[in-house]
């Protein structure tokens, strides 16, 4: 969840664990690793609940 850009959905396979902030190679948005992951998890939970 931390490698997926919350803005455009691009997966950053080059992201290393020590990188706490990263710039998406697709949309150029800056992502803070933990915040980005938590938003991706929240959005996935909402998607799952909405499809029930």
N, C-alpha and C. Protein backbone atom coordinates (compact mmCIF):
# COMPACT_ATOMS: atom_id res chain seq x y z
N UNK A 1 0.82 -1.21 0.00
CA UNK A 1 0.00 0.00 0.00
C UNK A 1 0.85 1.26 0.00
N UNK A 2 2.09 1.19 0.50
CA UNK A 2 2.92 2.39 0.53
C UNK A 2 3.60 2.67 -0.81
N UNK A 3 3.64 1.67 -1.70
CA UNK A 3 4.27 1.84 -3.01
C UNK A 3 3.29 2.33 -4.07
N UNK A 4 1.99 2.32 -3.75
CA UNK A 4 0.97 2.76 -4.70
C UNK A 4 0.67 4.23 -4.47
N UNK A 5 0.82 5.04 -5.51
CA UNK A 5 0.53 6.48 -5.40
C UNK A 5 -0.97 6.66 -5.19
N UNK A 6 -1.33 7.36 -4.13
CA UNK A 6 -2.75 7.56 -3.83
C UNK A 6 -3.42 8.53 -4.79
N UNK A 7 -2.62 9.27 -5.54
CA UNK A 7 -3.16 10.25 -6.47
C UNK A 7 -3.51 9.64 -7.83
N UNK A 8 -2.65 8.77 -8.35
CA UNK A 8 -2.86 8.25 -9.70
C UNK A 8 -2.90 6.72 -9.77
N UNK A 9 -2.51 6.03 -8.69
CA UNK A 9 -2.56 4.58 -8.67
C UNK A 9 -1.32 3.86 -9.19
N UNK A 10 -0.34 4.62 -9.64
CA UNK A 10 0.90 4.02 -10.16
C UNK A 10 1.65 3.33 -9.02
N UNK A 11 2.16 2.12 -9.27
CA UNK A 11 2.97 1.38 -8.31
C UNK A 11 4.44 1.74 -8.53
N UNK A 12 5.11 2.18 -7.48
CA UNK A 12 6.53 2.53 -7.55
C UNK A 12 7.36 1.34 -7.08
N UNK A 13 7.75 0.49 -8.00
CA UNK A 13 8.52 -0.71 -7.66
C UNK A 13 9.95 -0.39 -7.22
N UNK A 14 10.41 0.82 -7.47
CA UNK A 14 11.76 1.23 -7.10
C UNK A 14 11.85 1.76 -5.67
N UNK A 15 10.74 1.90 -4.99
CA UNK A 15 10.71 2.47 -3.65
C UNK A 15 11.40 1.55 -2.65
N UNK A 16 12.38 2.08 -1.94
CA UNK A 16 13.12 1.34 -0.92
C UNK A 16 12.56 1.67 0.46
N UNK A 17 12.74 0.77 1.41
CA UNK A 17 12.18 0.93 2.74
C UNK A 17 12.65 2.20 3.45
N UNK A 18 13.88 2.61 3.22
CA UNK A 18 14.41 3.80 3.92
C UNK A 18 13.86 5.11 3.35
N UNK A 19 13.19 5.06 2.22
CA UNK A 19 12.66 6.27 1.59
C UNK A 19 11.31 6.60 2.24
N UNK A 20 11.28 7.67 3.04
CA UNK A 20 10.06 8.03 3.76
C UNK A 20 9.16 8.93 2.92
N UNK A 21 9.73 9.70 2.01
CA UNK A 21 8.96 10.52 1.07
C UNK A 21 9.42 10.14 -0.32
N UNK A 22 8.49 10.15 -1.28
CA UNK A 22 8.88 9.85 -2.64
C UNK A 22 7.99 10.60 -3.62
N UNK A 23 8.57 10.89 -4.77
CA UNK A 23 7.87 11.59 -5.83
C UNK A 23 7.41 10.56 -6.85
N UNK A 24 6.12 10.57 -7.16
CA UNK A 24 5.57 9.61 -8.10
C UNK A 24 6.15 9.85 -9.50
N UNK A 25 6.69 8.80 -10.12
CA UNK A 25 7.26 8.97 -11.46
C UNK A 25 6.19 9.21 -12.53
N UNK A 26 4.93 8.98 -12.19
CA UNK A 26 3.85 9.15 -13.16
C UNK A 26 3.20 10.54 -13.07
N UNK A 27 2.80 10.96 -11.86
CA UNK A 27 2.07 12.22 -11.71
C UNK A 27 2.88 13.32 -11.01
N UNK A 28 4.08 12.98 -10.55
CA UNK A 28 5.00 13.93 -9.89
C UNK A 28 4.51 14.46 -8.55
N UNK A 29 3.51 13.82 -7.95
CA UNK A 29 3.05 14.22 -6.61
C UNK A 29 4.00 13.65 -5.56
N UNK A 30 4.19 14.40 -4.48
CA UNK A 30 5.01 13.95 -3.37
C UNK A 30 4.14 13.12 -2.42
N UNK A 31 4.63 11.95 -2.06
CA UNK A 31 3.92 11.05 -1.15
C UNK A 31 4.77 10.83 0.10
N UNK A 32 4.15 10.97 1.26
CA UNK A 32 4.78 10.60 2.53
C UNK A 32 4.38 9.15 2.77
N UNK A 33 5.34 8.29 2.88
CA UNK A 33 5.12 6.84 2.86
C UNK A 33 3.99 6.36 3.78
N UNK A 34 4.01 6.70 5.06
CA UNK A 34 3.01 6.20 6.01
C UNK A 34 1.64 6.81 5.76
N UNK A 35 1.59 8.09 5.46
CA UNK A 35 0.31 8.75 5.18
C UNK A 35 -0.29 8.19 3.90
N UNK A 36 0.55 8.03 2.88
CA UNK A 36 0.10 7.46 1.61
C UNK A 36 -0.48 6.07 1.82
N UNK A 37 0.22 5.23 2.57
CA UNK A 37 -0.25 3.87 2.82
C UNK A 37 -1.58 3.87 3.58
N UNK A 38 -1.70 4.72 4.59
CA UNK A 38 -2.94 4.74 5.37
C UNK A 38 -4.13 5.19 4.54
N UNK A 39 -3.92 6.14 3.64
CA UNK A 39 -5.00 6.60 2.76
C UNK A 39 -5.37 5.50 1.77
N UNK A 40 -4.38 4.79 1.24
CA UNK A 40 -4.67 3.68 0.34
C UNK A 40 -5.46 2.58 1.04
N UNK A 41 -5.11 2.28 2.29
CA UNK A 41 -5.84 1.26 3.06
C UNK A 41 -7.27 1.72 3.34
N UNK A 42 -7.43 2.96 3.73
CA UNK A 42 -8.77 3.52 3.97
C UNK A 42 -9.62 3.44 2.70
N UNK A 43 -9.06 3.87 1.58
CA UNK A 43 -9.80 3.84 0.32
C UNK A 43 -10.19 2.43 -0.09
N UNK A 44 -9.32 1.46 0.16
CA UNK A 44 -9.64 0.06 -0.16
C UNK A 44 -10.76 -0.44 0.74
N UNK A 45 -10.73 -0.07 2.01
CA UNK A 45 -11.81 -0.45 2.92
C UNK A 45 -13.14 0.14 2.49
N UNK A 46 -13.15 1.38 2.10
CA UNK A 46 -14.37 2.04 1.61
C UNK A 46 -14.85 1.35 0.34
N UNK A 47 -13.93 0.99 -0.55
CA UNK A 47 -14.31 0.31 -1.79
C UNK A 47 -14.98 -1.04 -1.49
N UNK A 48 -14.41 -1.77 -0.55
CA UNK A 48 -14.96 -3.09 -0.19
C UNK A 48 -16.34 -2.96 0.44
N UNK A 49 -16.50 -2.03 1.37
CA UNK A 49 -17.79 -1.83 2.04
C UNK A 49 -18.84 -1.36 1.04
N UNK A 50 -18.44 -0.52 0.12
CA UNK A 50 -19.39 0.02 -0.87
C UNK A 50 -19.89 -1.03 -1.84
N UNK A 51 -19.09 -2.08 -2.04
CA UNK A 51 -19.49 -3.11 -3.01
C UNK A 51 -20.36 -4.21 -2.38
N UNK A 52 -20.58 -4.14 -1.09
CA UNK A 52 -21.40 -5.17 -0.41
C UNK A 52 -22.86 -4.89 -0.57
